[in-house]
Amino acid sequence: MTGYLTTHVLDTARGCPAKGLPITLYRVERGTREKIAEMVTNDDGRTDTPILPKETFATGSYELVFHAGTYLRASSQAAEEPLFLDEVPIRFGMSDASAHYHVPLLLSPYGYSTYRGS
């Protein structure tokens, strides 16, 4: 079995999925980032397919960048510029080649939380 990576974004301020939030995935090697995927969350706050599917999955260090400012502006939650949270980077490692990694984001205009989900 080959691993894969998924994500999910929930708007904790409004109590709903964060629809329309752009996400960029980078592979990080020796301090250098290589962009490998860009997606936008659907009505359920998820991407339509795994952000890193089984076919291209590899262990290593990665960074998800959640473009929170785009979502906060579109949902009329943005305060004055510059926003307190505009881009939310989460750097993490995946060491098990057969695992499902799930990295959700719980987002509000002034805070966020993440964890390894299931």
Protein backbone atom coordinates (compact mmCIF):
# COMPACT_ATOMS: atom_id res chain seq x y z
CA MET A 1 0.00 0.00 0.00
CA THR A 2 1.24 3.47 -0.88
CA GLY A 3 0.73 6.52 1.30
CA TYR A 4 -1.06 9.73 0.44
CA LEU A 5 -1.73 13.21 1.87
CA THR A 6 -5.05 14.95 2.45
CA THR A 7 -6.13 18.16 4.14
CA HIS A 8 -9.29 19.82 5.42
CA VAL A 9 -9.90 23.43 6.43
CA LEU A 10 -12.58 24.44 8.92
CA ASP A 11 -13.58 28.02 9.66
CA THR A 12 -13.85 27.98 13.45
CA ALA A 13 -15.10 31.57 13.63
CA ARG A 14 -18.17 30.80 11.51
CA GLY A 15 -18.48 27.11 12.35
CA CYS A 16 -18.34 25.84 8.78
CA PRO A 17 -15.97 24.40 6.16
CA ALA A 18 -13.65 26.94 4.53
CA LYS A 19 -14.79 26.82 0.89
CA GLY A 20 -12.57 28.38 -1.78
CA LEU A 21 -9.31 28.51 0.19
CA PRO A 22 -6.23 28.09 -2.04
CA ILE A 23 -3.51 25.70 -0.84
CA THR A 24 0.02 25.16 -2.15
CA LEU A 25 2.12 22.08 -1.36
CA TYR A 26 5.92 22.20 -1.43
CA ARG A 27 8.52 19.49 -1.02
CA VAL A 28 11.39 20.74 1.16
CA GLU A 29 14.92 19.42 0.61
CA ARG A 30 18.11 20.94 1.98
CA GLY A 31 16.32 24.22 2.74
CA THR A 32 14.87 24.58 -0.75
CA ARG A 33 11.14 24.44 -1.53
CA GLU A 34 9.81 22.90 -4.73
CA LYS A 35 6.15 23.53 -5.57
CA ILE A 36 4.42 20.25 -6.37
CA ALA A 37 0.68 20.98 -6.10
CA GLU A 38 -1.90 23.76 -5.94
CA MET A 39 -5.54 23.19 -5.08
CA VAL A 40 -8.61 25.01 -3.77
CA THR A 41 -10.95 23.68 -1.09
CA ASN A 42 -14.43 22.56 -2.10
CA ASP A 43 -17.81 23.06 -0.35
CA ASP A 44 -16.72 20.67 2.41
CA GLY A 45 -13.40 22.48 3.02
CA ARG A 46 -11.47 19.60 1.46
CA THR A 47 -9.66 19.18 -1.82
CA ASP A 48 -11.47 17.10 -4.43
CA THR A 49 -8.54 14.66 -4.60
CA PRO A 50 -5.63 14.00 -2.24
CA ILE A 51 -3.20 16.91 -2.36
CA LEU A 52 -0.44 14.32 -2.72
CA PRO A 53 -1.95 11.17 -4.26
CA LYS A 54 -0.63 7.62 -4.01
CA GLU A 55 0.88 7.82 -7.51
CA THR A 56 3.28 10.63 -6.55
CA PHE A 57 3.64 10.06 -2.80
CA ALA A 58 7.16 10.05 -1.35
CA THR A 59 8.40 10.32 2.20
CA GLY A 60 10.26 13.47 3.23
CA SER A 61 9.71 17.02 4.44
CA TYR A 62 6.83 19.08 3.09
CA GLU A 63 5.16 22.43 3.58
CA LEU A 64 1.50 23.23 3.08
CA VAL A 65 0.79 26.92 2.62
CA PHE A 66 -2.82 27.83 3.30
CA HIS A 67 -3.71 31.13 1.63
CA ALA A 68 -5.97 32.19 4.47
CA GLY A 69 -6.10 35.85 3.45
CA THR A 70 -7.77 34.99 0.15
CA TYR A 71 -10.48 33.08 2.02
CA LEU A 72 -10.88 35.66 4.81
CA ARG A 73 -11.29 38.50 2.31
CA ALA A 74 -13.83 36.53 0.25
CA SER A 75 -15.85 35.63 3.36
CA SER A 76 -15.87 39.25 4.63
CA GLN A 77 -13.80 38.37 7.70
CA ALA A 78 -10.75 40.42 6.77
CA ALA A 79 -9.84 43.34 8.98
CA GLU A 80 -7.51 46.15 8.00
CA GLU A 81 -4.54 45.41 5.79
CA PRO A 82 -2.16 43.90 6.45
CA LEU A 83 -4.14 40.95 7.72
CA PHE A 84 -3.03 39.29 10.92
CA LEU A 85 -3.08 35.92 9.07
CA ASP A 86 -2.52 36.00 5.33
CA GLU A 87 -0.50 32.87 4.55
CA VAL A 88 -0.32 30.00 7.05
CA PRO A 89 2.67 27.70 6.41
CA ILE A 90 2.78 24.29 8.06
CA ARG A 91 6.02 22.33 7.67
CA PHE A 92 5.89 18.64 8.51
CA GLY A 93 7.56 15.31 7.78
CA MET A 94 6.17 12.07 6.41
CA SER A 95 8.29 9.01 7.20
CA ASP A 96 5.91 6.07 6.65
CA ALA A 97 5.62 5.22 2.95
CA SER A 98 2.39 3.31 3.49
CA ALA A 99 0.50 5.79 5.70
CA HIS A 100 -2.36 8.17 5.09
CA TYR A 101 -1.26 11.58 6.33
CA HIS A 102 -4.01 14.10 7.02
CA VAL A 103 -3.07 17.68 7.94
CA PRO A 104 -6.18 19.72 8.78
CA LEU A 105 -6.31 23.44 9.55
CA LEU A 106 -8.72 25.03 12.01
CA LEU A 107 -8.83 28.69 11.03
CA SER A 108 -10.17 32.00 12.33
CA PRO A 109 -9.08 35.55 11.41
CA TYR A 110 -6.74 35.72 14.44
CA GLY A 111 -5.63 32.17 15.07
CA TYR A 112 -5.22 28.66 13.76
CA SER A 113 -4.50 25.14 14.90
CA THR A 114 -3.36 21.98 13.20
CA TYR A 115 -2.68 18.36 14.05
CA ARG A 116 -2.09 15.02 12.38
CA GLY A 117 -5.57 13.75 11.66
CA SER A 118 -6.88 10.47 10.39
